Amino acid sequence: MVINKRFATTALAMTLVLLLSACSDMSRRDRNTAIGAGVGAVGGAVLTDGSALGTVGGAAVGGLIGRQVGK
């Protein structure tokens, strides 16, 4: 059951990354934020074995880091 939850969380995070990457009219900073959030969500899900709190926390931290890149 843990493997299915982890797979579902990772699949959801990757889907979000793909959907957000399709926004071509985003500024460079907005794209960095979206990419950071996606990578953070995947990283948080992997590190916490698919925990929803870990996924959301990873997305928040990744988004903040992505927002600051290239400032």
Protein backbone atom coordinates (compact mmCIF):
# COMPACT_ATOMS: atom_id res chain seq x y z
CA MET A 1 0.00 0.00 0.00
CA VAL A 2 2.89 2.39 0.72
CA ILE A 3 4.28 1.88 -2.76
CA ASN A 4 0.93 2.79 -4.34
CA LYS A 5 0.64 5.94 -2.21
CA ARG A 6 4.21 6.96 -3.06
CA PHE A 7 3.60 6.32 -6.76
CA ALA A 8 0.36 8.31 -6.72
CA THR A 9 2.01 11.25 -4.95
CA THR A 10 4.95 11.25 -7.34
CA ALA A 11 2.64 10.97 -10.35
CA LEU A 12 0.57 13.90 -9.09
CA ALA A 13 3.66 16.03 -8.56
CA MET A 14 5.00 15.21 -12.02
CA THR A 15 1.60 16.02 -13.56
CA LEU A 16 1.64 19.40 -11.85
CA VAL A 17 5.14 20.07 -13.17
CA LEU A 18 4.07 19.19 -16.70
CA LEU A 19 0.93 21.31 -16.51
CA LEU A 20 2.80 24.30 -15.14
CA SER A 21 5.58 23.99 -17.69
CA ALA A 22 3.02 24.43 -20.46
CA CYS A 23 2.45 28.07 -19.47
CA SER A 24 4.61 29.77 -22.05
CA ASP A 25 3.55 33.31 -21.12
CA MET A 26 5.02 33.05 -17.63
CA SER A 27 7.95 35.22 -16.66
CA ARG A 28 11.30 33.58 -16.02
CA ARG A 29 10.88 34.08 -12.28
CA ASP A 30 7.40 32.51 -12.33
CA ARG A 31 8.73 29.52 -14.27
CA ASN A 32 11.55 29.09 -11.75
CA THR A 33 8.99 29.17 -8.94
CA ALA A 34 6.82 26.55 -10.63
CA ILE A 35 9.74 24.29 -11.42
CA GLY A 36 11.09 24.65 -7.90
CA ALA A 37 7.70 23.78 -6.45
CA GLY A 38 7.42 20.71 -8.67
CA VAL A 39 10.89 19.46 -7.86
CA GLY A 40 10.33 20.21 -4.18
CA ALA A 41 7.06 18.29 -4.18
CA VAL A 42 8.69 15.25 -5.72
CA GLY A 43 11.63 15.48 -3.33
CA GLY A 44 9.34 15.90 -0.33
CA ALA A 45 7.24 12.92 -1.40
CA VAL A 46 10.29 10.72 -1.84
CA LEU A 47 11.93 11.75 1.42
CA THR A 48 8.76 11.27 3.49
CA ASP A 49 7.55 8.08 1.77
CA GLY A 50 4.58 9.79 0.14
CA SER A 51 3.38 11.87 3.08
CA ALA A 52 0.99 14.60 2.00
CA LEU A 53 2.55 17.01 4.49
CA GLY A 54 6.03 16.22 3.17
CA THR A 55 4.89 16.75 -0.40
CA VAL A 56 3.25 20.09 0.33
CA GLY A 57 6.18 21.20 2.48
CA GLY A 58 8.62 20.23 -0.26
CA ALA A 59 6.59 22.15 -2.81
CA ALA A 60 6.55 25.25 -0.60
CA VAL A 61 10.29 25.16 0.08
CA GLY A 62 11.08 24.37 -3.56
CA GLY A 63 8.87 27.22 -4.74
CA LEU A 64 10.60 29.67 -2.43
CA ILE A 65 14.03 28.54 -3.58
CA GLY A 66 12.99 28.64 -7.23
CA ARG A 67 11.63 32.15 -6.76
CA GLN A 68 14.96 33.37 -5.41
CA VAL A 69 17.12 31.78 -8.14
CA GLY A 70 18.45 34.35 -10.55
CA LYS A 71 17.44 37.32 -8.43
